[in-house]
Each structure stands twice: as structure tokens, then as C-alpha cells.
N, C-alpha and C. Protein backbone atom coordinates (compact mmCIF):
# COMPACT_ATOMS: atom_id res chain seq x y z
N UNK A 1 -0.36 13.80 -0.88
CA UNK A 1 -0.09 12.60 -0.11
C UNK A 1 -0.50 11.35 -0.91
N UNK A 2 -1.68 11.40 -1.52
CA UNK A 2 -2.11 10.24 -2.30
C UNK A 2 -1.15 9.98 -3.44
N UNK A 3 -0.68 11.04 -4.09
CA UNK A 3 0.25 10.84 -5.20
C UNK A 3 1.53 10.17 -4.73
N UNK A 4 1.94 10.46 -3.51
CA UNK A 4 3.13 9.79 -2.95
C UNK A 4 2.86 8.30 -2.79
N UNK A 5 1.69 7.98 -2.29
CA UNK A 5 1.35 6.57 -2.07
C UNK A 5 1.27 5.85 -3.40
N UNK A 6 0.59 6.46 -4.36
CA UNK A 6 0.44 5.82 -5.67
C UNK A 6 1.78 5.63 -6.34
N UNK A 7 2.63 6.64 -6.27
CA UNK A 7 3.92 6.53 -6.94
C UNK A 7 4.82 5.49 -6.29
N UNK A 8 4.56 5.17 -5.05
CA UNK A 8 5.40 4.21 -4.34
C UNK A 8 4.83 2.80 -4.34
N UNK A 9 3.81 2.55 -5.15
CA UNK A 9 3.23 1.21 -5.13
C UNK A 9 3.73 0.33 -6.26
N UNK A 10 4.78 0.73 -6.92
CA UNK A 10 5.35 -0.13 -7.93
C UNK A 10 5.83 -1.42 -7.26
N UNK A 11 5.95 -2.46 -8.04
CA UNK A 11 6.36 -3.75 -7.47
C UNK A 11 7.69 -3.65 -6.73
N UNK A 12 8.63 -2.96 -7.31
CA UNK A 12 9.95 -2.83 -6.70
C UNK A 12 9.87 -2.09 -5.37
N UNK A 13 9.13 -1.01 -5.33
CA UNK A 13 9.01 -0.22 -4.10
C UNK A 13 8.30 -1.02 -3.02
N UNK A 14 7.27 -1.79 -3.39
CA UNK A 14 6.53 -2.58 -2.40
C UNK A 14 7.44 -3.61 -1.74
N UNK A 15 8.34 -4.18 -2.50
CA UNK A 15 9.22 -5.20 -1.94
C UNK A 15 10.14 -4.64 -0.87
N UNK A 16 10.45 -3.36 -0.93
CA UNK A 16 11.38 -2.74 0.01
C UNK A 16 10.70 -2.26 1.28
N UNK A 17 9.38 -2.16 1.27
CA UNK A 17 8.66 -1.61 2.41
C UNK A 17 8.43 -2.65 3.48
N UNK A 18 8.42 -2.18 4.71
CA UNK A 18 8.12 -3.08 5.82
C UNK A 18 6.60 -3.27 5.91
N UNK A 19 6.19 -4.28 6.64
CA UNK A 19 4.76 -4.50 6.85
C UNK A 19 4.13 -3.30 7.54
N UNK A 20 4.85 -2.70 8.47
CA UNK A 20 4.33 -1.54 9.18
C UNK A 20 4.04 -0.40 8.20
N UNK A 21 4.94 -0.17 7.27
CA UNK A 21 4.74 0.88 6.26
C UNK A 21 3.55 0.53 5.36
N UNK A 22 3.43 -0.73 5.00
CA UNK A 22 2.31 -1.14 4.15
C UNK A 22 0.98 -0.94 4.87
N UNK A 23 0.92 -1.26 6.16
CA UNK A 23 -0.31 -1.05 6.92
C UNK A 23 -0.67 0.43 6.98
N UNK A 24 0.33 1.30 7.13
CA UNK A 24 0.07 2.75 7.14
C UNK A 24 -0.49 3.19 5.80
N UNK A 25 0.08 2.68 4.72
CA UNK A 25 -0.41 3.03 3.38
C UNK A 25 -1.81 2.49 3.16
N UNK A 26 -2.08 1.30 3.67
CA UNK A 26 -3.42 0.72 3.56
C UNK A 26 -4.44 1.61 4.26
N UNK A 27 -4.12 2.04 5.46
CA UNK A 27 -5.01 2.93 6.21
C UNK A 27 -5.27 4.22 5.44
N UNK A 28 -4.22 4.79 4.86
CA UNK A 28 -4.36 6.04 4.10
C UNK A 28 -5.21 5.83 2.85
N UNK A 29 -5.00 4.73 2.17
CA UNK A 29 -5.76 4.45 0.95
C UNK A 29 -7.24 4.29 1.26
N UNK A 30 -7.57 3.58 2.34
CA UNK A 30 -8.96 3.40 2.72
C UNK A 30 -9.57 4.74 3.15
N UNK A 31 -8.82 5.51 3.93
CA UNK A 31 -9.31 6.81 4.38
C UNK A 31 -9.63 7.73 3.20
N UNK A 32 -8.87 7.59 2.14
CA UNK A 32 -9.08 8.41 0.95
C UNK A 32 -9.98 7.73 -0.08
N UNK A 33 -10.60 6.63 0.34
CA UNK A 33 -11.53 5.88 -0.50
C UNK A 33 -10.90 5.42 -1.81
N UNK A 34 -9.61 5.12 -1.77
CA UNK A 34 -8.90 4.59 -2.93
C UNK A 34 -8.85 3.06 -2.76
N UNK A 35 -9.98 2.44 -3.07
CA UNK A 35 -10.12 1.02 -2.76
C UNK A 35 -9.31 0.12 -3.69
N UNK A 36 -9.07 0.56 -4.89
CA UNK A 36 -8.24 -0.24 -5.80
C UNK A 36 -6.81 -0.34 -5.26
N UNK A 37 -6.27 0.79 -4.83
CA UNK A 37 -4.94 0.80 -4.24
C UNK A 37 -4.93 0.01 -2.93
N UNK A 38 -5.97 0.17 -2.13
CA UNK A 38 -6.06 -0.55 -0.87
C UNK A 38 -6.03 -2.06 -1.10
N UNK A 39 -6.72 -2.51 -2.14
CA UNK A 39 -6.73 -3.94 -2.45
C UNK A 39 -5.34 -4.43 -2.84
N UNK A 40 -4.61 -3.64 -3.60
CA UNK A 40 -3.25 -4.02 -3.99
C UNK A 40 -2.34 -4.11 -2.78
N UNK A 41 -2.46 -3.15 -1.89
CA UNK A 41 -1.64 -3.15 -0.68
C UNK A 41 -2.03 -4.33 0.20
N UNK A 42 -3.33 -4.58 0.34
CA UNK A 42 -3.82 -5.73 1.11
C UNK A 42 -3.24 -7.04 0.59
N UNK A 43 -3.23 -7.17 -0.74
CA UNK A 43 -2.69 -8.38 -1.35
C UNK A 43 -1.20 -8.53 -1.05
N UNK A 44 -0.47 -7.44 -1.08
CA UNK A 44 0.97 -7.48 -0.77
C UNK A 44 1.18 -7.89 0.69
N UNK A 45 0.36 -7.36 1.58
CA UNK A 45 0.47 -7.73 3.00
C UNK A 45 0.18 -9.22 3.16
N UNK A 46 -0.83 -9.71 2.47
CA UNK A 46 -1.19 -11.13 2.55
C UNK A 46 -0.07 -12.03 2.07
N UNK A 47 0.61 -11.61 1.00
CA UNK A 47 1.72 -12.42 0.49
C UNK A 47 2.86 -12.55 1.50
N UNK A 48 3.03 -11.53 2.30
CA UNK A 48 4.14 -11.53 3.26
C UNK A 48 3.79 -12.17 4.60
N UNK A 49 2.53 -12.32 4.89
CA UNK A 49 2.11 -12.84 6.20
C UNK A 49 2.03 -14.33 6.22
């Protein structure tokens, strides 16, 4: 599951995701203690809000 999240965090893939999907990925990253990925997702959410 984590590998799926990591592989989908490229800039192009992030642009296609909805905010709802990004929040789900953020929750998963935090749950798995992947704080670097969580920060990237958080930043993407902030850019869109």
C-alpha cells in the first residue's frame, strides 16, 4: 500500500487527484509514520485550498 502511495506522488499524478484522495493519502502516510510524504501531500493540499 505504501509503495502505491509513493509511486503516485509524482507531480503529474498529484495534479490529477482530488482533494478527497489527497486527504486519504495524507491519513495513510501519517498512519504509516511516513512524515516526509505526509508533508509533501500536506503542501499539495495547501496549494489547492
